[in-house]
Amino acid sequence: MVYLPYNPALDQASRETGRRGAVHGGVYCLLADTAAWFASARARGRGAWPLTTNLSLDFVGPARGVALQARARMQSSTARVDEVHVEV
């Protein structure tokens, strides 16, 4: 699991309107990719350095003013490719 605490200083909407805004999609992507990397590296063992070859995100709604967590689990693995499912 990868954890990112909420930081109101990075929330543009809260500074301008006083209301909690949403996190930029790139932050979700970074968390998902990092969690997937750790899942793959752990499964492959010591010395593994996985590379992301494909990344797809489906957004279902914004996280407004809350900490984010990314949980990854291996879906499948071959000699060269791991498929990892991540929920943020």
C-alpha atoms as a PDB file:
ATOM      1  CA  MET A   1       0.000   0.000   0.000  1.00  0.00           C
ATOM      2  CA  VAL A   2       1.213   3.503  -0.842  1.00  0.00           C
ATOM      3  CA  TYR A   3      -0.161   6.336   1.313  1.00  0.00           C
ATOM      4  CA  LEU A   4      -0.276  10.078   0.551  1.00  0.00           C
ATOM      5  CA  PRO A   5      -1.625  12.366   3.293  1.00  0.00           C
ATOM      6  CA  TYR A   6      -3.931  15.224   2.342  1.00  0.00           C
ATOM      7  CA  ASN A   7      -2.139  18.570   2.132  1.00  0.00           C
ATOM      8  CA  PRO A   8      -4.443  21.597   1.917  1.00  0.00           C
ATOM      9  CA  ALA A   9      -1.533  23.739   0.687  1.00  0.00           C
ATOM     10  CA  LEU A  10      -1.634  21.762  -2.587  1.00  0.00           C
ATOM     11  CA  ASP A  11      -5.391  22.117  -2.995  1.00  0.00           C
ATOM     12  CA  GLN A  12      -5.919  25.063  -5.357  1.00  0.00           C
ATOM     13  CA  ALA A  13      -9.695  25.105  -4.913  1.00  0.00           C
ATOM     14  CA  SER A  14      -9.488  25.360  -1.112  1.00  0.00           C
ATOM     15  CA  ARG A  15      -7.208  28.406  -1.369  1.00  0.00           C
ATOM     16  CA  GLU A  16      -9.496  30.186  -3.813  1.00  0.00           C
ATOM     17  CA  THR A  17     -12.964  29.238  -2.564  1.00  0.00           C
ATOM     18  CA  GLY A  18     -12.527  27.825   0.923  1.00  0.00           C
ATOM     19  CA  ARG A  19     -14.062  24.546  -0.305  1.00  0.00           C
ATOM     20  CA  ARG A  20     -12.149  21.333  -0.703  1.00  0.00           C
ATOM     21  CA  GLY A  21     -11.171  20.654  -4.276  1.00  0.00           C
ATOM     22  CA  ALA A  22     -10.067  17.527  -6.057  1.00  0.00           C
ATOM     23  CA  VAL A  23      -6.643  16.024  -6.606  1.00  0.00           C
ATOM     24  CA  HIS A  24      -5.084  16.263 -10.086  1.00  0.00           C
ATOM     25  CA  GLY A  25      -5.327  12.997 -12.052  1.00  0.00           C
ATOM     26  CA  GLY A  26      -1.543  12.827 -12.341  1.00  0.00           C
ATOM     27  CA  VAL A  27      -1.327  12.269  -8.585  1.00  0.00           C
ATOM     28  CA  TYR A  28      -3.666   9.269  -8.837  1.00  0.00           C
ATOM     29  CA  CYS A  29      -1.537   7.952 -11.700  1.00  0.00           C
ATOM     30  CA  LEU A  30       1.691   8.366  -9.724  1.00  0.00           C
ATOM     31  CA  LEU A  31       0.250   6.516  -6.720  1.00  0.00           C
ATOM     32  CA  ALA A  32      -1.143   3.697  -8.861  1.00  0.00           C
ATOM     33  CA  ASP A  33       2.118   3.255 -10.775  1.00  0.00           C
ATOM     34  CA  THR A  34       4.182   3.278  -7.571  1.00  0.00           C
ATOM     35  CA  ALA A  35       1.948   0.718  -5.859  1.00  0.00           C
ATOM     36  CA  ALA A  36       2.047  -1.525  -8.946  1.00  0.00           C
ATOM     37  CA  TRP A  37       5.842  -1.247  -9.053  1.00  0.00           C
ATOM     38  CA  PHE A  38       6.176  -2.385  -5.436  1.00  0.00           C
ATOM     39  CA  ALA A  39       3.793  -5.315  -5.990  1.00  0.00           C
ATOM     40  CA  SER A  40       5.731  -6.452  -9.053  1.00  0.00           C
ATOM     41  CA  ALA A  41       9.150  -5.949  -7.451  1.00  0.00           C
ATOM     42  CA  ARG A  42       8.114  -7.893  -4.369  1.00  0.00           C
ATOM     43  CA  ALA A  43       6.760 -10.771  -6.457  1.00  0.00           C
ATOM     44  CA  ARG A  44       9.910 -10.890  -8.618  1.00  0.00           C
ATOM     45  CA  GLY A  45      12.283 -10.872  -5.662  1.00  0.00           C
ATOM     46  CA  ARG A  46      15.499  -9.208  -4.660  1.00  0.00           C
ATOM     47  CA  GLY A  47      17.216  -7.187  -7.358  1.00  0.00           C
ATOM     48  CA  ALA A  48      14.118  -6.861  -9.570  1.00  0.00           C
ATOM     49  CA  TRP A  49      13.525  -3.479 -11.174  1.00  0.00           C
ATOM     50  CA  PRO A  50      10.179  -3.637 -13.010  1.00  0.00           C
ATOM     51  CA  LEU A  51       9.294  -1.164 -15.757  1.00  0.00           C
ATOM     52  CA  THR A  52       5.838   0.127 -16.581  1.00  0.00           C
ATOM     53  CA  THR A  53       4.919  -0.762 -20.157  1.00  0.00           C
ATOM     54  CA  ASN A  54       1.197   0.018 -20.037  1.00  0.00           C
ATOM     55  CA  LEU A  55      -0.877   2.044 -17.601  1.00  0.00           C
ATOM     56  CA  SER A  56      -4.614   2.606 -17.769  1.00  0.00           C
ATOM     57  CA  LEU A  57      -6.811   4.406 -15.244  1.00  0.00           C
ATOM     58  CA  ASP A  58     -10.573   4.543 -14.911  1.00  0.00           C
ATOM     59  CA  PHE A  59     -11.717   7.507 -12.826  1.00  0.00           C
ATOM     60  CA  VAL A  60     -14.951   7.004 -10.899  1.00  0.00           C
ATOM     61  CA  GLY A  61     -14.930  10.156  -8.783  1.00  0.00           C
ATOM     62  CA  PRO A  62     -12.683  12.705  -7.109  1.00  0.00           C
ATOM     63  CA  ALA A  63     -11.092  12.395  -3.692  1.00  0.00           C
ATOM     64  CA  ARG A  64     -11.897  15.677  -2.017  1.00  0.00           C
ATOM     65  CA  GLY A  65      -9.797  16.703   0.958  1.00  0.00           C
ATOM     66  CA  VAL A  66      -8.791  13.225   2.074  1.00  0.00           C
ATOM     67  CA  ALA A  67      -5.599  11.185   2.255  1.00  0.00           C
ATOM     68  CA  LEU A  68      -5.063   8.798  -0.649  1.00  0.00           C
ATOM     69  CA  GLN A  69      -4.111   5.124  -0.482  1.00  0.00           C
ATOM     70  CA  ALA A  70      -3.155   2.881  -3.379  1.00  0.00           C
ATOM     71  CA  ARG A  71      -3.520  -0.886  -2.891  1.00  0.00           C
ATOM     72  CA  ALA A  72      -2.037  -3.223  -5.490  1.00  0.00           C
ATOM     73  CA  ARG A  73      -2.472  -6.925  -6.124  1.00  0.00           C
ATOM     74  CA  MET A  74      -0.964  -9.173  -8.756  1.00  0.00           C
ATOM     75  CA  GLN A  75      -3.452 -10.380 -11.354  1.00  0.00           C
ATOM     76  CA  SER A  76      -1.093 -12.514 -13.420  1.00  0.00           C
ATOM     77  CA  SER A  77       2.589 -12.965 -14.099  1.00  0.00           C
ATOM     78  CA  THR A  78       4.708 -14.401 -16.904  1.00  0.00           C
ATOM     79  CA  ALA A  79       8.466 -14.493 -17.341  1.00  0.00           C
ATOM     80  CA  ARG A  80       8.428 -10.932 -18.690  1.00  0.00           C
ATOM     81  CA  VAL A  81       5.109  -9.283 -17.813  1.00  0.00           C
ATOM     82  CA  ASP A  82       3.184  -8.757 -14.593  1.00  0.00           C
ATOM     83  CA  GLU A  83      -0.400  -7.578 -14.606  1.00  0.00           C
ATOM     84  CA  VAL A  84      -1.218  -5.646 -11.442  1.00  0.00           C
ATOM     85  CA  HIS A  85      -4.608  -4.278 -10.357  1.00  0.00           C
ATOM     86  CA  VAL A  86      -4.493  -1.106  -8.249  1.00  0.00           C
ATOM     87  CA  GLU A  87      -7.257   0.735  -6.412  1.00  0.00           C
ATOM     88  CA  VAL A  88      -6.681   4.312  -5.230  1.00  0.00           C
END
